[in-house]
């Protein structure tokens, strides 16, 4: 389930990994390489729905 903050959906790395059928390490590698944008809010690294859609559009 995404976390909604001020109307923006945020997904955790494990949630995105499961949705894309890849490992969490793959998601972290994409973030580190700058392919997938993310934000750290407190301790967890979160990915907005907009950033996820942008990543998927670019990877086609």
C-alpha atoms as a PDB file:
ATOM      1  CA  UNK A   1       0.000   0.000   0.000  1.00  0.00           C
ATOM      2  CA  UNK A   2       1.412   3.386  -0.893  1.00  0.00           C
ATOM      3  CA  UNK A   3       1.782   6.053   1.756  1.00  0.00           C
ATOM      4  CA  UNK A   4      -0.156   9.207   0.873  1.00  0.00           C
ATOM      5  CA  UNK A   5       1.293  12.511   2.077  1.00  0.00           C
ATOM      6  CA  UNK A   6      -0.548  15.696   1.054  1.00  0.00           C
ATOM      7  CA  UNK A   7      -2.198  13.867  -1.824  1.00  0.00           C
ATOM      8  CA  UNK A   8       1.055  12.412  -3.220  1.00  0.00           C
ATOM      9  CA  UNK A   9       1.493   8.634  -3.293  1.00  0.00           C
ATOM     10  CA  UNK A  10       4.858   7.384  -2.051  1.00  0.00           C
ATOM     11  CA  UNK A  11       6.099   3.809  -2.477  1.00  0.00           C
ATOM     12  CA  UNK A  12       8.869   2.057  -0.563  1.00  0.00           C
ATOM     13  CA  UNK A  13      11.697   0.255  -2.329  1.00  0.00           C
ATOM     14  CA  UNK A  14      10.242  -3.210  -1.561  1.00  0.00           C
ATOM     15  CA  UNK A  15       6.819  -2.150  -2.906  1.00  0.00           C
ATOM     16  CA  UNK A  16       8.342  -0.915  -6.180  1.00  0.00           C
ATOM     17  CA  UNK A  17      10.527  -4.021  -6.453  1.00  0.00           C
ATOM     18  CA  UNK A  18       7.508  -6.283  -6.062  1.00  0.00           C
ATOM     19  CA  UNK A  19       5.454  -4.295  -8.589  1.00  0.00           C
ATOM     20  CA  UNK A  20       8.260  -4.417 -11.184  1.00  0.00           C
ATOM     21  CA  UNK A  21       9.171  -8.031 -10.362  1.00  0.00           C
ATOM     22  CA  UNK A  22      12.809  -7.200  -9.558  1.00  0.00           C
ATOM     23  CA  UNK A  23      14.841  -7.245  -6.342  1.00  0.00           C
ATOM     24  CA  UNK A  24      15.186  -4.382  -3.883  1.00  0.00           C
ATOM     25  CA  UNK A  25      18.888  -4.293  -4.752  1.00  0.00           C
ATOM     26  CA  UNK A  26      17.989  -3.589  -8.386  1.00  0.00           C
ATOM     27  CA  UNK A  27      15.789  -0.662  -7.348  1.00  0.00           C
ATOM     28  CA  UNK A  28      18.598   0.694  -5.140  1.00  0.00           C
ATOM     29  CA  UNK A  29      21.047   0.384  -8.063  1.00  0.00           C
ATOM     30  CA  UNK A  30      18.685   2.307 -10.356  1.00  0.00           C
ATOM     31  CA  UNK A  31      18.368   5.032  -7.697  1.00  0.00           C
ATOM     32  CA  UNK A  32      22.145   5.209  -7.239  1.00  0.00           C
ATOM     33  CA  UNK A  33      22.686   5.473 -11.025  1.00  0.00           C
ATOM     34  CA  UNK A  34      20.100   8.260 -11.217  1.00  0.00           C
ATOM     35  CA  UNK A  35      17.692   6.270 -13.382  1.00  0.00           C
ATOM     36  CA  UNK A  36      14.941   6.344 -10.750  1.00  0.00           C
ATOM     37  CA  UNK A  37      14.363   9.434  -8.613  1.00  0.00           C
ATOM     38  CA  UNK A  38      13.618   9.040  -4.925  1.00  0.00           C
ATOM     39  CA  UNK A  39      13.346  11.043  -1.709  1.00  0.00           C
ATOM     40  CA  UNK A  40      14.409  10.204   1.795  1.00  0.00           C
ATOM     41  CA  UNK A  41      11.627  11.168   4.180  1.00  0.00           C
ATOM     42  CA  UNK A  42      12.844  10.395   7.654  1.00  0.00           C
ATOM     43  CA  UNK A  43      14.585   7.026   7.509  1.00  0.00           C
ATOM     44  CA  UNK A  44      12.969   5.282   4.511  1.00  0.00           C
ATOM     45  CA  UNK A  45      13.715   6.042   0.884  1.00  0.00           C
ATOM     46  CA  UNK A  46      10.452   6.688  -0.935  1.00  0.00           C
ATOM     47  CA  UNK A  47       9.552   6.908  -4.612  1.00  0.00           C
ATOM     48  CA  UNK A  48       6.647   9.056  -5.750  1.00  0.00           C
ATOM     49  CA  UNK A  49       4.031   7.745  -8.133  1.00  0.00           C
ATOM     50  CA  UNK A  50       5.061  10.480 -10.603  1.00  0.00           C
ATOM     51  CA  UNK A  51       8.731   9.458 -10.488  1.00  0.00           C
ATOM     52  CA  UNK A  52       7.788   5.817 -10.960  1.00  0.00           C
ATOM     53  CA  UNK A  53       5.595   6.594 -13.988  1.00  0.00           C
ATOM     54  CA  UNK A  54       8.376   8.755 -15.468  1.00  0.00           C
ATOM     55  CA  UNK A  55      10.893   5.946 -15.010  1.00  0.00           C
ATOM     56  CA  UNK A  56       8.580   3.424 -16.676  1.00  0.00           C
ATOM     57  CA  UNK A  57       7.916   5.771 -19.593  1.00  0.00           C
ATOM     58  CA  UNK A  58      11.649   6.342 -20.155  1.00  0.00           C
ATOM     59  CA  UNK A  59      12.521   2.658 -19.939  1.00  0.00           C
ATOM     60  CA  UNK A  60      10.241   1.669 -22.850  1.00  0.00           C
END
